[in-house]
Protein backbone atom coordinates (compact mmCIF):
# COMPACT_ATOMS: atom_id res chain seq x y z
CA MET A 1 0.26 0.20 -0.06
CA THR A 2 1.36 3.10 -0.63
CA GLY A 3 1.99 6.12 1.51
CA ARG A 4 -1.17 8.51 0.34
CA ALA A 5 -3.23 5.06 0.43
CA ALA A 6 -2.30 4.50 4.25
CA ARG A 7 -3.25 8.04 4.34
CA ALA A 8 -6.72 7.33 2.42
CA VAL A 9 -7.95 4.41 4.37
CA ALA A 10 -7.14 6.52 7.71
CA ALA A 11 -9.22 9.30 6.80
CA ALA A 12 -12.15 7.25 5.45
CA VAL A 13 -12.18 4.80 8.45
CA ALA A 14 -11.94 7.85 10.79
CA VAL A 15 -15.05 9.74 8.93
CA ALA A 16 -16.86 6.51 9.05
CA THR A 17 -15.93 5.64 12.84
CA ALA A 18 -17.22 8.98 13.64
CA SER A 19 -20.53 7.86 11.85
CA GLY A 20 -21.33 4.84 13.90
CA VAL A 21 -20.21 2.58 11.37
CA ARG A 22 -17.51 -0.42 12.16
CA CYS A 23 -14.56 -1.07 9.44
CA GLY A 24 -12.63 -3.19 11.23
CA ALA A 25 -11.00 -5.01 7.66
CA PRO A 26 -10.91 -1.83 5.20
CA ARG A 27 -9.01 -2.64 2.36
CA VAL A 28 -7.88 -0.42 -1.00
CA LEU A 29 -9.72 -1.65 -4.31
CA HIS A 30 -7.88 1.01 -6.27
CA ASP A 31 -5.00 3.39 -5.77
CA GLY A 32 -5.04 5.38 -8.87
CA VAL A 33 -5.95 9.48 -8.93
CA ASN A 34 -8.38 8.41 -6.30
CA ALA A 35 -7.91 6.05 -3.48
CA VAL A 36 -10.86 3.55 -3.18
CA VAL A 37 -11.25 1.84 0.23
CA HIS A 38 -14.50 -1.02 1.02
CA LEU A 39 -14.59 -0.34 4.84
CA ALA A 40 -15.13 -4.07 5.40
CA PRO A 41 -17.29 -5.32 7.23
CA ALA A 42 -19.56 -2.84 6.40
CA PRO A 43 -20.62 -2.35 3.26
CA VAL A 44 -19.46 0.83 2.32
CA VAL A 45 -16.40 2.29 -0.07
CA ALA A 46 -15.42 5.23 -0.09
CA ARG A 47 -13.45 7.31 -2.29
CA VAL A 48 -10.88 9.74 -1.51
CA ALA A 49 -9.42 12.18 -3.50
CA THR A 50 -4.88 12.12 -3.37
CA LEU A 51 -3.63 12.99 -6.55
CA THR A 52 -7.10 14.60 -7.82
CA PRO A 53 -6.49 18.10 -6.65
CA LEU A 54 -3.51 18.69 -9.13
CA LEU A 55 -6.06 19.46 -11.64
CA ARG A 56 -9.25 20.23 -9.52
CA PRO A 57 -8.07 22.79 -6.69
CA ASP A 58 -11.19 22.01 -5.48
CA PRO A 59 -11.71 18.42 -4.96
CA ALA A 60 -15.49 19.15 -3.14
CA ARG A 61 -16.86 20.59 -6.13
CA PRO A 62 -16.77 17.33 -8.53
CA PHE A 63 -17.40 15.12 -5.94
CA GLY A 64 -20.50 16.94 -5.05
CA ARG A 65 -21.68 16.85 -8.57
CA GLU A 66 -20.93 13.00 -8.41
CA VAL A 67 -22.90 12.40 -5.44
CA ALA A 68 -26.12 14.52 -6.54
CA LEU A 69 -26.04 12.84 -9.88
CA ALA A 70 -25.84 9.80 -8.73
CA ALA A 71 -28.08 10.05 -5.98
CA ALA A 72 -30.62 11.16 -8.48
CA LEU A 73 -30.05 8.80 -11.01
CA ALA A 74 -30.56 5.77 -8.47
CA ALA A 75 -34.40 7.45 -7.58
CA ALA A 76 -34.64 7.11 -11.13
CA GLY A 77 -34.26 3.94 -11.41
CA ALA A 78 -31.10 3.91 -13.54
CA ALA A 79 -28.30 1.35 -13.48
CA VAL A 80 -25.89 3.44 -10.80
CA VAL A 81 -23.94 3.06 -8.21
CA PRO A 82 -25.74 4.84 -5.50
CA PRO A 83 -24.15 6.99 -2.89
CA SER A 84 -23.80 5.01 0.76
CA ASP A 85 -27.52 5.30 3.05
CA LEU A 86 -25.20 4.18 6.39
CA LEU A 87 -24.21 7.45 6.71
CA PRO A 88 -24.00 11.23 4.97
CA PRO A 89 -22.53 10.59 1.91
CA GLY A 90 -20.03 13.78 1.46
CA PRO A 91 -18.36 15.01 0.12
CA HIS A 92 -16.45 15.00 3.69
CA ARG A 93 -13.33 16.75 5.10
CA HIS A 94 -10.81 14.60 7.32
CA ASP A 95 -6.68 15.78 7.21
CA GLY A 96 -6.86 17.59 4.34
CA LEU A 97 -8.65 15.14 2.14
CA THR A 98 -12.07 15.51 0.51
CA LEU A 99 -14.09 12.07 0.76
CA THR A 100 -17.42 10.16 -0.37
CA PHE A 101 -18.86 6.92 0.65
CA TRP A 102 -21.07 4.67 -1.22
CA THR A 103 -22.80 1.48 -1.67
CA HIS A 104 -20.48 -1.38 -1.45
CA VAL A 105 -21.96 -3.78 -4.56
CA ALA A 106 -20.23 -7.36 -5.30
CA VAL A 107 -18.20 -7.33 -8.47
CA LEU A 108 -17.74 -10.25 -10.78
CA PRO A 109 -14.69 -10.53 -12.92
CA ARG A 110 -16.45 -9.73 -16.24
CA THR A 111 -16.08 -6.94 -18.92
CA PRO A 112 -18.90 -5.88 -21.05
CA THR A 113 -19.02 -6.87 -24.88
CA PRO A 114 -19.08 -3.86 -26.73
CA ALA A 115 -22.27 -4.29 -27.58
CA GLU A 116 -23.16 -4.41 -23.97
CA ALA A 117 -21.02 -1.52 -23.04
CA ALA A 118 -22.98 0.48 -26.18
CA ALA A 119 -26.67 -0.36 -24.47
CA GLU A 120 -26.02 0.46 -20.99
CA LEU A 121 -24.58 3.96 -22.19
CA THR A 122 -27.33 4.70 -23.86
CA ALA A 123 -30.10 3.91 -20.91
CA LEU A 124 -27.48 5.90 -18.98
CA HIS A 125 -28.01 8.78 -21.69
CA ARG A 126 -31.62 8.14 -21.58
CA HIS A 127 -32.11 9.06 -17.80
CA LEU A 128 -29.29 11.78 -18.01
CA ALA A 129 -31.13 13.50 -21.07
CA ALA A 130 -34.10 13.76 -18.18
CA LEU A 131 -32.18 15.83 -15.75
CA PRO A 132 -31.95 19.51 -16.00
CA VAL A 133 -28.81 21.15 -18.06
CA THR A 134 -26.89 23.56 -15.84
CA GLY A 135 -23.37 25.09 -15.71
CA SER A 136 -21.05 25.73 -18.97
CA PRO A 137 -20.78 22.85 -21.38
CA LEU A 138 -17.47 20.50 -20.89
CA ASP A 139 -16.68 22.70 -18.10
CA THR A 140 -14.60 19.33 -16.86
CA PRO A 141 -12.76 18.63 -19.34
CA LEU A 142 -12.09 22.45 -20.10
CA ASP A 143 -11.45 23.50 -16.95
CA ASP A 144 -8.81 20.54 -16.14
CA LEU A 145 -6.91 21.28 -19.22
CA ALA A 146 -6.89 25.09 -17.94
CA VAL A 147 -5.31 23.73 -14.69
CA TRP A 148 -3.00 21.43 -17.03
CA THR A 149 -1.74 24.44 -19.09
CA ASP A 150 -0.97 26.45 -15.93
CA ARG A 151 0.67 24.16 -13.45
CA SER A 152 2.21 21.28 -15.59
CA GLY A 153 5.83 22.74 -15.86
CA ALA A 154 6.61 22.32 -12.90
CA TRP A 155 5.82 18.67 -13.81
CA GLY A 156 8.30 19.14 -16.57
CA VAL A 157 6.05 19.63 -19.33
CA SER A 158 7.76 21.88 -21.65
CA PRO A 159 6.36 25.07 -22.47
CA ALA A 160 6.24 24.68 -26.15
CA VAL A 161 3.93 21.44 -25.39
CA ARG A 162 2.25 23.56 -22.76
CA ALA A 163 1.73 26.12 -25.66
CA ARG A 164 0.58 23.94 -28.11
CA THR A 165 -2.65 22.43 -25.96
CA ALA A 166 -3.56 26.11 -25.08
CA GLU A 167 -3.61 26.19 -29.05
CA GLU A 168 -5.25 23.33 -30.09
CA LEU A 169 -8.06 23.98 -26.90
CA ASP A 170 -8.20 27.57 -28.70
CA GLU A 171 -9.18 25.85 -31.77
CA LEU A 172 -10.97 23.19 -30.62
CA ARG A 173 -13.57 25.59 -28.51
CA PRO A 174 -15.79 26.69 -31.99
CA ARG A 175 -15.84 23.04 -33.09
CA LEU A 176 -17.41 21.37 -29.64
CA GLY A 177 -21.15 22.95 -29.97
CA GLY A 178 -24.34 20.97 -29.80
CA PRO A 179 -27.62 19.92 -28.18
CA ALA A 180 -26.10 19.90 -24.72
CA GLN A 181 -27.85 17.34 -21.64
CA VAL A 182 -26.25 16.13 -18.68
CA LEU A 183 -23.36 13.68 -19.12
CA HIS A 184 -21.55 10.73 -17.33
CA GLY A 185 -18.42 12.37 -18.15
CA ASP A 186 -15.89 9.71 -18.67
CA ALA A 187 -17.89 6.53 -20.09
CA HIS A 188 -15.37 4.15 -20.37
CA PRO A 189 -15.82 0.18 -19.70
CA GLY A 190 -13.96 0.52 -16.82
CA ASN A 191 -16.84 2.21 -14.76
CA LEU A 192 -19.27 -0.11 -15.84
CA LEU A 193 -19.28 -3.01 -13.60
CA ALA A 194 -20.92 -6.31 -13.71
CA THR A 195 -22.86 -7.06 -10.56
CA PRO A 196 -25.58 -9.81 -9.76
CA ASP A 197 -28.13 -7.28 -9.90
CA GLY A 198 -26.73 -6.26 -13.74
CA TRP A 199 -24.36 -3.64 -15.18
CA ARG A 200 -23.80 -0.69 -13.17
CA TRP A 201 -22.16 2.24 -13.79
CA THR A 202 -19.60 4.43 -11.09
CA ASP A 203 -17.13 7.07 -11.31
CA LEU A 204 -19.36 9.89 -12.07
CA GLU A 205 -16.81 12.31 -10.98
CA ASP A 206 -16.23 14.05 -13.99
CA THR A 207 -19.75 14.66 -15.02
CA CYS A 208 -20.35 17.82 -16.95
CA THR A 209 -23.00 19.04 -19.29
CA GLY A 210 -22.42 19.07 -23.45
CA PRO A 211 -23.36 16.73 -26.44
CA ALA A 212 -23.67 13.00 -26.00
CA ALA A 213 -20.96 13.30 -28.40
CA TRP A 214 -18.36 13.54 -25.72
CA ASP A 215 -19.13 10.20 -23.52
CA LEU A 216 -19.32 8.18 -26.79
CA ALA A 217 -15.88 9.86 -27.83
CA CYS A 218 -14.68 8.22 -24.34
CA LEU A 219 -16.61 5.15 -25.52
CA ARG A 220 -14.65 5.34 -29.17
CA LEU A 221 -11.30 5.64 -27.64
CA THR A 222 -10.97 3.48 -24.84
CA SER A 223 -8.15 0.41 -24.90
CA ARG A 224 -10.72 -1.97 -23.17
CA LEU A 225 -13.37 -2.88 -25.81
CA ASP A 226 -13.20 -1.75 -30.00
CA GLY A 227 -14.73 1.46 -29.40
CA ARG A 228 -15.67 1.93 -32.98
CA ALA A 229 -17.72 -1.28 -32.59
CA ALA A 230 -19.29 0.00 -29.70
CA LEU A 231 -20.27 2.75 -31.70
CA ASP A 232 -21.59 0.73 -34.43
CA ALA A 233 -23.47 -1.71 -33.02
CA VAL A 234 -25.87 1.59 -31.10
CA GLY A 235 -25.89 3.34 -34.76
CA GLY A 236 -23.50 5.98 -33.58
CA PRO A 237 -21.23 8.95 -35.33
CA SER A 238 -18.44 8.05 -37.76
CA ASP A 239 -14.97 8.84 -36.23
CA ALA A 240 -14.99 12.12 -38.56
CA GLU A 241 -18.23 12.95 -37.18
CA LEU A 242 -16.56 12.70 -33.45
CA ALA A 243 -13.66 14.59 -34.55
CA PRO A 244 -13.15 17.64 -32.22
CA TRP A 245 -14.88 15.38 -29.14
CA LEU A 246 -12.03 12.62 -29.83
CA GLU A 247 -8.99 14.92 -30.07
CA LEU A 248 -10.53 16.41 -26.36
CA ARG A 249 -10.62 13.29 -24.84
CA ARG A 250 -7.13 12.74 -26.33
CA LEU A 251 -6.29 15.94 -24.61
CA HIS A 252 -7.40 15.55 -21.68
CA ALA A 253 -6.78 11.74 -21.13
CA ARG A 254 -2.83 13.23 -21.84
CA ALA A 255 -3.13 15.95 -18.78
CA TRP A 256 -4.34 13.46 -16.01
CA THR A 257 -1.75 10.45 -17.74
CA THR A 258 0.75 13.28 -16.65
CA VAL A 259 -0.60 13.53 -13.28
CA VAL A 260 -0.35 10.02 -12.62
CA ALA A 261 3.12 9.32 -14.12
CA GLY A 262 4.62 13.09 -12.86
CA PRO A 263 3.72 14.07 -9.35
CA ALA A 264 2.29 10.77 -8.17
CA GLN A 265 5.91 10.09 -7.97
CA THR A 266 7.66 13.00 -6.85
CA SER A 267 5.54 14.51 -4.53
CA GLY A 268 4.64 11.92 -2.18
CA SER A 269 1.63 13.62 -1.04
CA ALA A 270 -1.70 12.24 -0.46
CA GLY A 271 -3.44 15.50 -0.36
CA SER A 272 -1.63 17.22 -3.68
CA ARG A 273 -4.21 16.38 -5.70
């Protein structure tokens, strides 16, 4: 377990225990941009922002949006992992870390086929389209990239690369229009869990509003399955039609890769993202 994961576990246990949740055998499920901790034996999972603040200085904002969206979707019967009902889901703040609490679900060792992933995203979009649209379109990837352009020099990214990224963003912005709806924001198969009760979407932290093409671009560019086959299974747009959103997805993924590969290894601080 990394130092930042250990700190995340300690924060999650402290907040949960204060709410009366027994968690004597916590287990780290994932240690990446966020730490994901099962607070066993309780059916509660904590998501703790560890590297996240490197690109999102106020992680309570995306974490709060995620909890609110998941709660609304669960209430509407959408196939999502819901926030925990055993304690206030948050966001909470402890020891400089932001965290939320979720219902633990059993995850089966299965990944979706391209057709299954596309069908589940289509079903999720039907629920998302019924929600009110607020905020600036695509604010999550665009804000992340603005912060990356400003900060990534400290992580070894050259001024030329940062300037070129800013220019590419300026060129992309006018091409990213279209009817807006609420989006998952990071709709790749790694965020689609096989459970005994069927497929469930998780990790809504990147939610934003914008054209559905943004979620389709996320699915198209996944390395976990044939994204082109997934879109074809539901009569999705061509790569040419998705071009600006595909380019934005590549830029956004590159920014987060820098966060994980650079600061994650050099900062040593669980609270620095």
